[in-house]
C-alpha atoms as a PDB file:
ATOM      1  CA  MET A   1     -20.658  -6.233  13.894  1.00  0.00           C
ATOM      2  CA  LYS A   2     -22.271  -4.299  11.061  1.00  0.00           C
ATOM      3  CA  LEU A   3     -22.411  -0.542  10.753  1.00  0.00           C
ATOM      4  CA  SER A   4     -25.195  -0.586   8.176  1.00  0.00           C
ATOM      5  CA  LYS A   5     -28.351  -2.652   8.040  1.00  0.00           C
ATOM      6  CA  ASN A   6     -28.412  -2.246   4.287  1.00  0.00           C
ATOM      7  CA  GLY A   7     -24.920  -3.700   3.797  1.00  0.00           C
ATOM      8  CA  ALA A   8     -22.541  -2.598   1.051  1.00  0.00           C
ATOM      9  CA  ASN A   9     -25.312  -1.114  -1.109  1.00  0.00           C
ATOM     10  CA  ALA A  10     -25.872   1.602   1.456  1.00  0.00           C
ATOM     11  CA  GLY A  11     -22.173   2.399   1.282  1.00  0.00           C
ATOM     12  CA  VAL A  12     -22.341   2.714  -2.501  1.00  0.00           C
ATOM     13  CA  GLU A  13     -25.112   5.270  -2.157  1.00  0.00           C
ATOM     14  CA  ARG A  14     -23.008   7.247   0.281  1.00  0.00           C
ATOM     15  CA  VAL A  15     -20.160   7.414  -2.241  1.00  0.00           C
ATOM     16  CA  ARG A  16     -22.398   9.506  -4.493  1.00  0.00           C
ATOM     17  CA  SER A  17     -22.635  12.255  -1.901  1.00  0.00           C
ATOM     18  CA  LYS A  18     -20.563  15.420  -2.353  1.00  0.00           C
ATOM     19  CA  THR A  19     -18.730  15.242   0.960  1.00  0.00           C
ATOM     20  CA  MET A  20     -16.779  12.001   1.202  1.00  0.00           C
ATOM     21  CA  ARG A  21     -15.383  10.783   4.504  1.00  0.00           C
ATOM     22  CA  THR A  22     -12.799   8.030   4.259  1.00  0.00           C
ATOM     23  CA  LEU A  23     -11.837   5.713   7.089  1.00  0.00           C
ATOM     24  CA  ALA A  24      -8.141   5.020   6.543  1.00  0.00           C
ATOM     25  CA  ILE A  25      -6.716   1.878   8.171  1.00  0.00           C
ATOM     26  CA  ASP A  26      -3.002   1.123   8.375  1.00  0.00           C
ATOM     27  CA  ILE A  27      -2.140  -2.425   9.481  1.00  0.00           C
ATOM     28  CA  GLY A  28       1.341  -2.660  10.942  1.00  0.00           C
ATOM     29  CA  GLY A  29       3.301  -5.440  12.541  1.00  0.00           C
ATOM     30  CA  THR A  30       2.910  -3.875  16.000  1.00  0.00           C
ATOM     31  CA  GLY A  31      -0.185  -1.721  15.688  1.00  0.00           C
ATOM     32  CA  ILE A  32      -3.347  -1.174  13.637  1.00  0.00           C
ATOM     33  CA  LYS A  33      -4.137   2.497  13.195  1.00  0.00           C
ATOM     34  CA  ALA A  34      -7.223   4.353  11.981  1.00  0.00           C
ATOM     35  CA  ILE A  35      -8.110   7.929  11.130  1.00  0.00           C
ATOM     36  CA  LYS A  36     -10.968   9.646   9.323  1.00  0.00           C
ATOM     37  CA  LEU A  37     -10.190  11.897   6.343  1.00  0.00           C
ATOM     38  CA  ASP A  38     -12.240  14.424   4.401  1.00  0.00           C
ATOM     39  CA  GLU A  39     -12.393  14.435   0.590  1.00  0.00           C
ATOM     40  CA  ASN A  40      -9.173  16.481   0.431  1.00  0.00           C
ATOM     41  CA  GLY A  41      -7.230  14.035   2.569  1.00  0.00           C
ATOM     42  CA  LYS A  42      -7.298  16.224   5.688  1.00  0.00           C
ATOM     43  CA  ALA A  43      -7.631  14.439   9.013  1.00  0.00           C
ATOM     44  CA  ILE A  44     -10.995  15.118  10.626  1.00  0.00           C
ATOM     45  CA  SER A  45     -10.575  12.843  13.642  1.00  0.00           C
ATOM     46  CA  GLU A  46      -7.937  11.799  16.127  1.00  0.00           C
ATOM     47  CA  ARG A  47      -5.866   8.774  15.235  1.00  0.00           C
ATOM     48  CA  THR A  48      -6.837   5.612  17.101  1.00  0.00           C
ATOM     49  CA  ARG A  49      -4.614   2.568  17.547  1.00  0.00           C
ATOM     50  CA  ILE A  50      -4.959  -1.021  18.748  1.00  0.00           C
ATOM     51  CA  PRO A  51      -1.894  -3.306  19.088  1.00  0.00           C
ATOM     52  CA  THR A  52      -1.554  -6.000  16.445  1.00  0.00           C
ATOM     53  CA  PRO A  53      -2.001  -9.417  18.075  1.00  0.00           C
ATOM     54  CA  LYS A  54       0.891 -11.868  17.860  1.00  0.00           C
ATOM     55  CA  LYS A  55      -1.304 -14.329  15.991  1.00  0.00           C
ATOM     56  CA  ALA A  56      -3.069 -11.909  13.662  1.00  0.00           C
ATOM     57  CA  THR A  57      -5.479 -14.319  11.974  1.00  0.00           C
ATOM     58  CA  PRO A  58      -8.099 -12.973   9.552  1.00  0.00           C
ATOM     59  CA  LYS A  59     -10.840 -13.281  12.186  1.00  0.00           C
ATOM     60  CA  ALA A  60      -8.790 -11.451  14.830  1.00  0.00           C
ATOM     61  CA  LEU A  61      -7.684  -8.679  12.522  1.00  0.00           C
ATOM     62  CA  VAL A  62     -11.124  -8.073  10.997  1.00  0.00           C
ATOM     63  CA  GLY A  63     -12.505  -7.874  14.535  1.00  0.00           C
ATOM     64  CA  ILE A  64      -9.973  -5.192  15.467  1.00  0.00           C
ATOM     65  CA  ILE A  65     -10.762  -3.153  12.354  1.00  0.00           C
ATOM     66  CA  CYS A  66     -14.469  -3.314  13.205  1.00  0.00           C
ATOM     67  CA  GLU A  67     -13.639  -2.078  16.709  1.00  0.00           C
ATOM     68  CA  LEU A  68     -11.628   0.812  15.280  1.00  0.00           C
ATOM     69  CA  ALA A  69     -14.507   1.587  12.910  1.00  0.00           C
ATOM     70  CA  LYS A  70     -16.829   1.972  15.921  1.00  0.00           C
ATOM     71  CA  MET A  71     -14.416   4.523  17.379  1.00  0.00           C
ATOM     72  CA  GLN A  72     -14.347   6.415  14.052  1.00  0.00           C
ATOM     73  CA  SER A  73     -18.055   6.409  13.187  1.00  0.00           C
ATOM     74  CA  GLY A  74     -19.549   8.484  10.372  1.00  0.00           C
ATOM     75  CA  PHE A  75     -17.514   7.471   7.308  1.00  0.00           C
ATOM     76  CA  ASP A  76     -18.531   6.685   3.730  1.00  0.00           C
ATOM     77  CA  ARG A  77     -15.776   4.394   2.473  1.00  0.00           C
ATOM     78  CA  VAL A  78     -12.730   2.525   3.743  1.00  0.00           C
ATOM     79  CA  SER A  79      -9.080   2.324   2.646  1.00  0.00           C
ATOM     80  CA  VAL A  80      -6.780  -0.331   4.063  1.00  0.00           C
ATOM     81  CA  GLY A  81      -3.005  -0.605   3.908  1.00  0.00           C
ATOM     82  CA  PHE A  82      -2.178  -4.301   4.340  1.00  0.00           C
ATOM     83  CA  PRO A  83       1.295  -5.741   5.147  1.00  0.00           C
ATOM     84  CA  GLY A  84       1.455  -8.387   2.445  1.00  0.00           C
ATOM     85  CA  LEU A  85       0.804  -9.188  -1.180  1.00  0.00           C
ATOM     86  CA  VAL A  86      -2.809  -8.309  -1.957  1.00  0.00           C
ATOM     87  CA  LYS A  87      -4.591  -7.946  -5.292  1.00  0.00           C
ATOM     88  CA  ASP A  88      -8.224  -6.965  -5.834  1.00  0.00           C
ATOM     89  CA  GLY A  89      -8.780  -7.335  -2.100  1.00  0.00           C
ATOM     90  CA  VAL A  90      -7.493 -10.932  -1.965  1.00  0.00           C
ATOM     91  CA  VAL A  91      -4.440 -11.709   0.179  1.00  0.00           C
ATOM     92  CA  TYR A  92      -1.737 -13.914  -1.319  1.00  0.00           C
ATOM     93  CA  THR A  93       0.978 -13.602   1.327  1.00  0.00           C
ATOM     94  CA  ALA A  94       1.151 -12.110   4.812  1.00  0.00           C
ATOM     95  CA  VAL A  95       4.364 -13.536   6.268  1.00  0.00           C
ATOM     96  CA  ASN A  96       4.450 -11.157   9.244  1.00  0.00           C
ATOM     97  CA  LEU A  97       0.893 -11.856  10.398  1.00  0.00           C
ATOM     98  CA  GLY A  98      -0.792 -15.064  11.529  1.00  0.00           C
ATOM     99  CA  LYS A  99      -2.060 -18.098   9.641  1.00  0.00           C
ATOM    100  CA  GLY A 100      -5.017 -18.432   7.299  1.00  0.00           C
ATOM    101  CA  TRP A 101      -4.421 -15.407   5.084  1.00  0.00           C
ATOM    102  CA  SER A 102      -3.587 -17.067   1.758  1.00  0.00           C
ATOM    103  CA  GLY A 103      -6.612 -16.645  -0.517  1.00  0.00           C
ATOM    104  CA  PHE A 104      -8.583 -14.637   2.058  1.00  0.00           C
ATOM    105  CA  ASP A 105     -10.664 -11.846   0.469  1.00  0.00           C
ATOM    106  CA  VAL A 106     -10.126  -9.235   3.144  1.00  0.00           C
ATOM    107  CA  GLY A 107     -11.736  -6.501   1.031  1.00  0.00           C
ATOM    108  CA  LYS A 108     -14.969  -8.437   0.574  1.00  0.00           C
ATOM    109  CA  GLU A 109     -15.117  -9.461   4.232  1.00  0.00           C
ATOM    110  CA  LEU A 110     -14.595  -5.908   5.479  1.00  0.00           C
ATOM    111  CA  GLN A 111     -17.174  -4.551   3.048  1.00  0.00           C
ATOM    112  CA  LYS A 112     -19.680  -7.082   4.372  1.00  0.00           C
ATOM    113  CA  LYS A 113     -18.889  -6.276   8.002  1.00  0.00           C
ATOM    114  CA  LEU A 114     -18.690  -2.498   7.691  1.00  0.00           C
ATOM    115  CA  GLY A 115     -21.370  -1.930   5.072  1.00  0.00           C
ATOM    116  CA  ARG A 116     -19.166   0.494   3.147  1.00  0.00           C
ATOM    117  CA  PRO A 117     -17.091   0.275  -0.059  1.00  0.00           C
ATOM    118  CA  VAL A 118     -13.573  -0.945   0.737  1.00  0.00           C
ATOM    119  CA  ARG A 119     -10.272  -0.732  -1.126  1.00  0.00           C
ATOM    120  CA  VAL A 120      -7.205  -2.641   0.013  1.00  0.00           C
ATOM    121  CA  ALA A 121      -3.597  -2.290  -1.132  1.00  0.00           C
ATOM    122  CA  ASN A 122      -0.172  -3.179   0.200  1.00  0.00           C
ATOM    123  CA  ASP A 123       0.764  -0.863   3.062  1.00  0.00           C
ATOM    124  CA  ALA A 124       3.905   0.387   1.289  1.00  0.00           C
ATOM    125  CA  ASP A 125       1.792   1.179  -1.780  1.00  0.00           C
ATOM    126  CA  VAL A 126      -0.617   3.230   0.311  1.00  0.00           C
ATOM    127  CA  GLN A 127       2.177   5.084   2.069  1.00  0.00           C
ATOM    128  CA  GLY A 128       3.705   5.820  -1.318  1.00  0.00           C
ATOM    129  CA  LEU A 129       0.422   7.210  -2.610  1.00  0.00           C
ATOM    130  CA  GLY A 130       0.496   9.667   0.269  1.00  0.00           C
ATOM    131  CA  ALA A 131       4.105  10.696  -0.336  1.00  0.00           C
ATOM    132  CA  VAL A 132       5.053  10.743  -4.036  1.00  0.00           C
ATOM    133  CA  SER A 133       4.882  13.775  -6.306  1.00  0.00           C
ATOM    134  CA  GLY A 134       3.495  11.824  -9.270  1.00  0.00           C
ATOM    135  CA  LYS A 135       6.363  12.946 -11.522  1.00  0.00           C
ATOM    136  CA  GLY A 136       9.165  10.779 -12.840  1.00  0.00           C
ATOM    137  CA  LEU A 137      10.431   7.516 -11.381  1.00  0.00           C
ATOM    138  CA  GLU A 138       9.879   7.347  -7.624  1.00  0.00           C
ATOM    139  CA  LEU A 139      10.784   4.388  -5.406  1.00  0.00           C
ATOM    140  CA  VAL A 140       9.258   3.942  -1.950  1.00  0.00           C
ATOM    141  CA  ILE A 141      10.562   1.517   0.667  1.00  0.00           C
ATOM    142  CA  THR A 142       9.252   0.937   4.177  1.00  0.00           C
ATOM    143  CA  LEU A 143      11.326  -0.232   7.130  1.00  0.00           C
ATOM    144  CA  GLY A 144       9.449  -1.991   9.893  1.00  0.00           C
ATOM    145  CA  THR A 145       8.583  -5.538  10.841  1.00  0.00           C
ATOM    146  CA  GLY A 146       9.212  -6.327   7.184  1.00  0.00           C
ATOM    147  CA  PHE A 147      10.622  -4.502   4.151  1.00  0.00           C
ATOM    148  CA  GLY A 148       7.995  -2.988   1.842  1.00  0.00           C
ATOM    149  CA  SER A 149       8.548  -1.562  -1.625  1.00  0.00           C
ATOM    150  CA  VAL A 150       6.657   0.068  -4.482  1.00  0.00           C
ATOM    151  CA  LEU A 151       7.673   1.906  -7.646  1.00  0.00           C
ATOM    152  CA  PHE A 152       5.768   4.843  -9.144  1.00  0.00           C
ATOM    153  CA  VAL A 153       6.177   5.843 -12.790  1.00  0.00           C
ATOM    154  CA  ASP A 154       4.637   9.308 -13.261  1.00  0.00           C
ATOM    155  CA  GLY A 155       2.239   8.399 -10.459  1.00  0.00           C
ATOM    156  CA  ARG A 156       1.400   4.960 -11.839  1.00  0.00           C
ATOM    157  CA  ARG A 157       1.820   2.382  -9.082  1.00  0.00           C
ATOM    158  CA  VAL A 158       3.866  -0.789  -9.656  1.00  0.00           C
ATOM    159  CA  HIS A 159       3.950  -3.006  -6.578  1.00  0.00           C
ATOM    160  CA  LEU A 160       7.257  -4.724  -5.812  1.00  0.00           C
ATOM    161  CA  GLU A 161       8.266  -7.543  -3.468  1.00  0.00           C
ATOM    162  CA  LEU A 162      11.890  -6.520  -2.975  1.00  0.00           C
ATOM    163  CA  GLY A 163      11.774  -7.618   0.644  1.00  0.00           C
ATOM    164  CA  HIS A 164      12.130 -11.244  -0.459  1.00  0.00           C
ATOM    165  CA  HIS A 165      14.815 -10.529  -3.064  1.00  0.00           C
ATOM    166  CA  PRO A 166      18.464 -11.520  -2.377  1.00  0.00           C
ATOM    167  CA  PHE A 167      20.491  -8.589  -1.075  1.00  0.00           C
ATOM    168  CA  HIS A 168      23.520  -9.457   1.070  1.00  0.00           C
ATOM    169  CA  GLU A 169      25.453 -12.701   1.533  1.00  0.00           C
ATOM    170  CA  GLY A 170      22.520 -14.780   0.330  1.00  0.00           C
ATOM    171  CA  LYS A 171      20.040 -13.077   2.639  1.00  0.00           C
ATOM    172  CA  THR A 172      17.062 -10.974   1.540  1.00  0.00           C
ATOM    173  CA  TYR A 173      16.378  -7.291   2.158  1.00  0.00           C
ATOM    174  CA  GLU A 174      13.857  -8.243   4.826  1.00  0.00           C
ATOM    175  CA  GLU A 175      16.240 -10.656   6.539  1.00  0.00           C
ATOM    176  CA  GLU A 176      18.935  -7.977   6.704  1.00  0.00           C
ATOM    177  CA  LEU A 177      16.848  -4.825   7.238  1.00  0.00           C
ATOM    178  CA  GLY A 178      13.662  -5.973   8.977  1.00  0.00           C
ATOM    179  CA  HIS A 179      13.086  -5.121  12.634  1.00  0.00           C
ATOM    180  CA  ARG A 180      14.314  -8.512  13.852  1.00  0.00           C
ATOM    181  CA  ALA A 181      17.595  -8.011  11.997  1.00  0.00           C
ATOM    182  CA  MET A 182      18.129  -4.616  13.623  1.00  0.00           C
ATOM    183  CA  ALA A 183      17.436  -6.059  17.073  1.00  0.00           C
ATOM    184  CA  LYS A 184      19.913  -8.892  16.436  1.00  0.00           C
ATOM    185  CA  LYS A 185      22.719  -7.023  14.626  1.00  0.00           C
ATOM    186  CA  GLY A 186      22.422  -3.673  16.373  1.00  0.00           C
ATOM    187  CA  LYS A 187      21.667  -0.255  14.892  1.00  0.00           C
ATOM    188  CA  LYS A 188      25.243   0.420  13.757  1.00  0.00           C
ATOM    189  CA  LYS A 189      25.417  -2.683  11.550  1.00  0.00           C
ATOM    190  CA  TRP A 190      21.806  -2.164  10.430  1.00  0.00           C
ATOM    191  CA  ASN A 191      22.592   1.385   9.272  1.00  0.00           C
ATOM    192  CA  LYS A 192      25.688   0.197   7.408  1.00  0.00           C
ATOM    193  CA  LEU A 193      23.590  -2.367   5.530  1.00  0.00           C
ATOM    194  CA  LEU A 194      20.855   0.180   4.868  1.00  0.00           C
ATOM    195  CA  ARG A 195      23.363   2.579   3.319  1.00  0.00           C
ATOM    196  CA  GLU A 196      24.533  -0.228   1.018  1.00  0.00           C
ATOM    197  CA  ALA A 197      20.937  -1.118   0.171  1.00  0.00           C
ATOM    198  CA  LEU A 198      20.066   2.467  -0.778  1.00  0.00           C
ATOM    199  CA  ASP A 199      23.086   2.698  -3.081  1.00  0.00           C
ATOM    200  CA  GLU A 200      22.158  -0.606  -4.703  1.00  0.00           C
ATOM    201  CA  LEU A 201      18.491   0.333  -5.155  1.00  0.00           C
ATOM    202  CA  LYS A 202      19.368   3.671  -6.754  1.00  0.00           C
ATOM    203  CA  ARG A 203      21.746   1.951  -9.165  1.00  0.00           C
ATOM    204  CA  THR A 204      19.122  -0.668  -9.998  1.00  0.00           C
ATOM    205  CA  PHE A 205      16.105   1.576 -10.560  1.00  0.00           C
ATOM    206  CA  ILE A 206      17.852   4.851 -11.519  1.00  0.00           C
ATOM    207  CA  CYS A 207      14.993   6.595  -9.705  1.00  0.00           C
ATOM    208  CA  ASP A 208      14.507  10.347  -9.493  1.00  0.00           C
ATOM    209  CA  ARG A 209      13.417  10.148  -5.854  1.00  0.00           C
ATOM    210  CA  LEU A 210      13.622   7.491  -3.153  1.00  0.00           C
ATOM    211  CA  TYR A 211      11.306   7.738  -0.147  1.00  0.00           C
ATOM    212  CA  ILE A 212      11.791   5.848   3.128  1.00  0.00           C
ATOM    213  CA  GLY A 213       8.850   5.188   5.416  1.00  0.00           C
ATOM    214  CA  GLY A 214       7.971   2.766   8.182  1.00  0.00           C
ATOM    215  CA  GLY A 215       8.471   2.802  11.933  1.00  0.00           C
ATOM    216  CA  ASP A 216      12.190   1.952  11.815  1.00  0.00           C
ATOM    217  CA  ALA A 217      13.083   4.861   9.531  1.00  0.00           C
ATOM    218  CA  LYS A 218      13.555   6.915  12.709  1.00  0.00           C
ATOM    219  CA  HIS A 219      16.676   4.855  13.469  1.00  0.00           C
ATOM    220  CA  ILE A 220      18.596   6.092  10.405  1.00  0.00           C
ATOM    221  CA  ASN A 221      21.748   7.806  11.715  1.00  0.00           C
ATOM    222  CA  PHE A 222      23.564   8.841   8.525  1.00  0.00           C
ATOM    223  CA  LYS A 223      23.094  11.767   6.175  1.00  0.00           C
ATOM    224  CA  LEU A 224      20.922  10.933   3.184  1.00  0.00           C
ATOM    225  CA  SER A 225      21.623  12.184  -0.319  1.00  0.00           C
ATOM    226  CA  PRO A 226      19.382  14.997  -1.660  1.00  0.00           C
ATOM    227  CA  ASP A 227      17.326  12.550  -3.736  1.00  0.00           C
ATOM    228  CA  VAL A 228      16.388  10.431  -0.686  1.00  0.00           C
ATOM    229  CA  GLU A 229      13.725  11.517   1.791  1.00  0.00           C
ATOM    230  CA  VAL A 230      12.286  10.051   4.988  1.00  0.00           C
ATOM    231  CA  VAL A 231       8.501  10.422   4.966  1.00  0.00           C
ATOM    232  CA  SER A 232       6.106  10.537   7.887  1.00  0.00           C
ATOM    233  CA  ASN A 233       4.336   7.425   9.094  1.00  0.00           C
ATOM    234  CA  GLU A 234       1.150   9.468   8.816  1.00  0.00           C
ATOM    235  CA  ASP A 235       1.450   9.055   5.033  1.00  0.00           C
ATOM    236  CA  GLY A 236       0.452   5.436   5.625  1.00  0.00           C
ATOM    237  CA  LEU A 237      -2.932   6.781   6.710  1.00  0.00           C
ATOM    238  CA  LEU A 238      -3.194   9.919   4.584  1.00  0.00           C
ATOM    239  CA  GLY A 239      -2.435   7.840   1.499  1.00  0.00           C
ATOM    240  CA  GLY A 240      -5.791   6.175   2.093  1.00  0.00           C
ATOM    241  CA  ILE A 241      -7.592   9.021   0.362  1.00  0.00           C
ATOM    242  CA  ALA A 242      -5.183   8.821  -2.574  1.00  0.00           C
ATOM    243  CA  LEU A 243      -6.086   5.143  -2.972  1.00  0.00           C
ATOM    244  CA  TRP A 244      -9.558   6.343  -3.982  1.00  0.00           C
ATOM    245  CA  ARG A 245      -8.264   9.163  -6.172  1.00  0.00           C
ATOM    246  CA  ALA A 246      -5.934   6.851  -8.086  1.00  0.00           C
ATOM    247  CA  GLU A 247      -8.520   5.599 -10.558  1.00  0.00           C
ATOM    248  CA  ARG A 248      -7.226   3.695 -13.586  1.00  0.00           C
ATOM    249  CA  THR A 249      -8.560   4.139 -17.079  1.00  0.00           C
ATOM    250  CA  SER A 250      -7.784   1.758 -19.903  1.00  0.00           C
ATOM    251  CA  VAL A 251      -6.734   3.395 -23.145  1.00  0.00           C
ATOM    252  CA  PRO A 252      -7.496   1.066 -26.088  1.00  0.00           C
ATOM    253  CA  ALA A 253      -5.005   0.723 -28.878  1.00  0.00           C
ATOM    254  CA  ALA A 254      -5.835   2.427 -32.141  1.00  0.00           C
ATOM    255  CA  PRO A 255      -7.378  -0.001 -34.684  1.00  0.00           C
ATOM    256  CA  GLU A 256      -4.437   0.208 -37.022  1.00  0.00           C
ATOM    257  CA  THR A 257      -2.026  -0.912 -34.275  1.00  0.00           C
ATOM    258  CA  ARG A 258      -3.799  -4.234 -33.713  1.00  0.00           C
ATOM    259  CA  ARG A 259      -2.557  -7.293 -35.535  1.00  0.00           C
ATOM    260  CA  LYS A 260      -4.935  -9.586 -37.347  1.00  0.00           C
ATOM    261  CA  ASP A 261      -4.360 -12.320 -34.777  1.00  0.00           C
ATOM    262  CA  ALA A 262      -4.909  -9.983 -31.845  1.00  0.00           C
ATOM    263  CA  GLY A 263      -6.516 -11.523 -28.781  1.00  0.00           C
ATOM    264  CA  PRO A 264      -8.393  -9.837 -25.949  1.00  0.00           C
ATOM    265  CA  VAL A 265      -6.774  -7.253 -23.724  1.00  0.00           C
ATOM    266  CA  SER A 266      -5.973  -8.706 -20.295  1.00  0.00           C
ATOM    267  CA  SER A 267      -8.163  -7.563 -17.408  1.00  0.00           C
ATOM    268  CA  ASP A 268      -5.303  -5.853 -15.594  1.00  0.00           C
ATOM    269  CA  GLY A 269      -4.226  -3.890 -18.658  1.00  0.00           C
ATOM    270  CA  ALA A 270      -0.900  -5.667 -18.956  1.00  0.00           C
ATOM    271  CA  SER A 271       0.743  -5.982 -22.331  1.00  0.00           C
ATOM    272  CA  ALA A 272      -0.433  -9.100 -24.152  1.00  0.00           C
ATOM    273  CA  GLN A 273       2.191  -9.230 -26.858  1.00  0.00           C
ATOM    274  CA  ALA A 274       2.424 -12.979 -26.478  1.00  0.00           C
ATOM    275  CA  LYS A 275      -1.091 -13.104 -27.908  1.00  0.00           C
ATOM    276  CA  GLY A 276      -0.280 -10.599 -30.637  1.00  0.00           C
ATOM    277  CA  VAL A 277      -1.890  -7.538 -29.084  1.00  0.00           C
ATOM    278  CA  ALA A 278      -0.575  -4.004 -29.160  1.00  0.00           C
ATOM    279  CA  VAL A 279      -2.091  -2.451 -26.050  1.00  0.00           C
ATOM    280  CA  ALA A 280      -1.776   1.121 -24.879  1.00  0.00           C
ATOM    281  CA  PRO A 281      -0.890   1.294 -21.174  1.00  0.00           C
ATOM    282  CA  LYS A 282      -3.339   2.185 -18.485  1.00  0.00           C
ATOM    283  CA  VAL A 283      -3.031   5.670 -17.087  1.00  0.00           C
ATOM    284  CA  ARG A 284      -3.109   6.255 -13.340  1.00  0.00           C
ATOM    285  CA  ILE A 285      -4.064   9.661 -12.056  1.00  0.00           C
ATOM    286  CA  PRO A 286      -1.162  10.785  -9.834  1.00  0.00           C
ATOM    287  CA  ALA A 287      -1.879  11.071  -6.138  1.00  0.00           C
ATOM    288  CA  THR A 288      -2.165  14.633  -4.908  1.00  0.00           C
ATOM    289  CA  PRO A 289       0.842  15.430  -2.683  1.00  0.00           C
ATOM    290  CA  GLN A 290      -0.151  15.678   0.968  1.00  0.00           C
END
């Protein structure tokens, strides 16, 4: 199914228009949601949802997104929150979906199918973009089928994979705080472990704010400290517009700061000190609070 006979090029032309309409897709372990946003991030359509299949292969999931796109016609670009490790549109891990995801360029495939420009990021990253203030050190975690995490430094996004990091008695955050763990241990034990996890995360990252999203955040039954906030699941969709606002610009180092043996700056703007390069960091425009 293609929404444009002219393919992605037609979508690029649409991006130049003054009024931008973004189709925001949030892929969850139980449901795939879609909504259409105006250029200010305001919803201009009703949210639509299709259950996530048990074996969510690339073909099955792309088909569902195309179906949702038909329901939400009249958009200029697409933002996707994906539950896994994804970089430049390519999926590296998707442990809570089906098989066949490793190395799959979901961004390219969706752009081909939908005929619109597409940006894809981890679902926790997208939810964070819709929630953070863009000031200071802000940590976002999501509680659902898995355990998502992302750190923002003055609005600059740093994706984390804390879900697979050891947390309690040799088990990971995801093994102890994912939805399956809550169903097995019960909500009382799950909340006790979550309280311990929040204390540990705050000690580790010394963050100014900690945001909790995801479908299982509604099961929290203890009082949170003033620096911790539960954010709406809608941020997982509304953050889709912020994914387009959050453009990165590379700031080159001043000539006098480069060593004689300096090599090229890496494509992702990371520090290349091992090659003798003094590189100024990239600057990310903070997401506008929703």
